Amino acid sequence: MLGACRPASAEEIPLGSHGSTYSVAVRLNDAITLNFLLDTGASDVALPGDVVSTRLRTGTLTERDFVGSATYLLADGSKLPSLRFILREVRVGSQSARNVVANVSPVKR
């Protein structure tokens, strides 16, 4: 059957609360687990530049994973050009997605 997929099993995922925002633990490329801001309006996964640099140094992200660039429209109306790359696996709890588009975001200081 075309387009058939295995249904996800029910699972409760703990969320961290930070004022009016929430975070969730996410495992990337089976190498590192980070707390991600849960943003239901985001078009791609965003990783801070320092995390991307570390992933490149450790080999869990390679130059071959980069697929160009895009300009993102932020919630405040500003535009942010960013490099795009593919994460081989993104896992939340026991659920995973493969070949997820991600981008490099500026490091918050």
Protein backbone atom coordinates (compact mmCIF):
# COMPACT_ATOMS: atom_id res chain seq x y z
CA MET A 1 0.00 0.00 0.00
CA LEU A 2 1.49 3.32 -1.08
CA GLY A 3 2.06 5.87 1.68
CA ALA A 4 1.42 3.37 4.49
CA CYS A 5 3.40 3.85 7.65
CA ARG A 6 3.57 2.19 10.99
CA PRO A 7 1.41 4.04 13.52
CA ALA A 8 3.27 5.65 16.42
CA SER A 9 2.66 4.12 19.80
CA ALA A 10 1.30 6.32 22.56
CA GLU A 11 4.02 7.78 24.74
CA GLU A 12 4.11 10.54 27.32
CA ILE A 13 6.99 12.95 26.68
CA PRO A 14 8.03 15.20 29.58
CA LEU A 15 8.23 18.91 28.78
CA GLY A 16 10.32 21.47 30.59
CA SER A 17 8.59 24.75 31.41
CA HIS A 18 10.42 28.06 31.00
CA GLY A 19 7.95 30.87 31.64
CA SER A 20 5.62 30.87 28.66
CA THR A 21 7.71 28.43 26.59
CA TYR A 22 8.35 24.69 26.75
CA SER A 23 11.34 22.52 25.95
CA VAL A 24 11.74 18.86 25.08
CA ALA A 25 14.80 16.56 25.16
CA VAL A 26 15.86 15.63 21.61
CA ARG A 27 18.55 13.13 20.56
CA LEU A 28 20.44 14.05 17.36
CA ASN A 29 22.15 11.50 15.09
CA ASP A 30 22.31 9.13 18.09
CA ALA A 31 25.19 11.25 19.41
CA ILE A 32 23.94 14.08 21.64
CA THR A 33 20.78 14.93 23.56
CA LEU A 34 19.82 18.59 23.86
CA ASN A 35 16.83 20.46 25.26
CA PHE A 36 14.99 22.10 22.35
CA LEU A 37 12.56 24.96 22.56
CA LEU A 38 9.19 23.66 21.40
CA ASP A 39 8.13 25.99 18.57
CA THR A 40 5.00 24.85 16.76
CA GLY A 41 5.46 27.56 14.12
CA ALA A 42 8.99 26.59 13.08
CA SER A 43 9.49 25.27 9.56
CA ASP A 44 12.82 23.54 10.32
CA VAL A 45 14.85 22.42 13.31
CA ALA A 46 17.25 25.18 14.38
CA LEU A 47 20.61 24.40 16.01
CA PRO A 48 22.88 27.06 17.53
CA GLY A 49 26.10 27.66 15.62
CA ASP A 50 28.28 26.41 18.49
CA VAL A 51 26.41 23.07 18.52
CA VAL A 52 26.83 22.75 14.73
CA SER A 53 30.57 23.49 15.05
CA THR A 54 30.95 20.84 17.76
CA ARG A 55 29.02 18.28 15.69
CA LEU A 56 31.33 19.00 12.72
CA ARG A 57 34.44 18.58 14.88
CA THR A 58 33.21 15.26 16.28
CA GLY A 59 32.14 13.94 12.87
CA THR A 60 28.46 13.46 13.77
CA LEU A 61 27.72 16.11 11.14
CA THR A 62 29.78 16.42 7.95
CA GLU A 63 30.13 18.90 5.11
CA ARG A 64 28.18 16.42 2.93
CA ASP A 65 25.14 16.96 5.20
CA PHE A 66 24.84 20.63 4.15
CA VAL A 67 22.25 21.30 1.44
CA GLY A 68 22.46 25.02 0.74
CA SER A 69 20.94 28.00 2.46
CA ALA A 70 17.61 29.73 3.03
CA THR A 71 16.32 32.96 4.50
CA TYR A 72 13.98 32.50 7.46
CA LEU A 73 11.27 34.95 8.53
CA LEU A 74 11.34 35.28 12.32
CA ALA A 75 8.40 36.01 14.64
CA ASP A 76 9.53 39.63 15.05
CA GLY A 77 9.39 40.17 11.27
CA SER A 78 13.15 40.15 10.75
CA LYS A 79 14.85 37.90 8.19
CA LEU A 80 17.74 35.59 8.95
CA PRO A 81 19.86 33.92 6.25
CA SER A 82 21.06 30.50 7.38
CA LEU A 83 22.88 27.41 6.17
CA ARG A 84 20.71 24.28 5.93
CA PHE A 85 21.74 20.69 6.59
CA ILE A 86 20.20 17.26 7.07
CA LEU A 87 20.10 15.50 10.44
CA ARG A 88 20.15 11.76 9.82
CA GLU A 89 17.97 11.09 12.88
CA VAL A 90 16.01 13.19 15.35
CA ARG A 91 14.59 11.24 18.30
CA VAL A 92 12.08 12.36 20.92
CA GLY A 93 11.38 9.62 23.45
CA SER A 94 11.08 6.39 21.47
CA GLN A 95 9.86 8.19 18.31
CA SER A 96 12.28 9.17 15.57
CA ALA A 97 12.32 10.95 12.24
CA ARG A 98 15.01 10.52 9.60
CA ASN A 99 16.56 13.05 7.20
CA VAL A 100 15.23 16.10 9.01
CA VAL A 101 16.02 19.55 7.57
CA ALA A 102 17.80 21.80 10.07
CA ASN A 103 19.45 25.22 10.00
CA VAL A 104 22.18 27.07 11.85
CA SER A 105 20.88 29.73 14.22
CA PRO A 106 22.99 32.45 15.84
CA VAL A 107 24.25 31.71 19.33
CA LYS A 108 22.27 33.63 21.98
CA ARG A 109 24.57 35.55 24.30
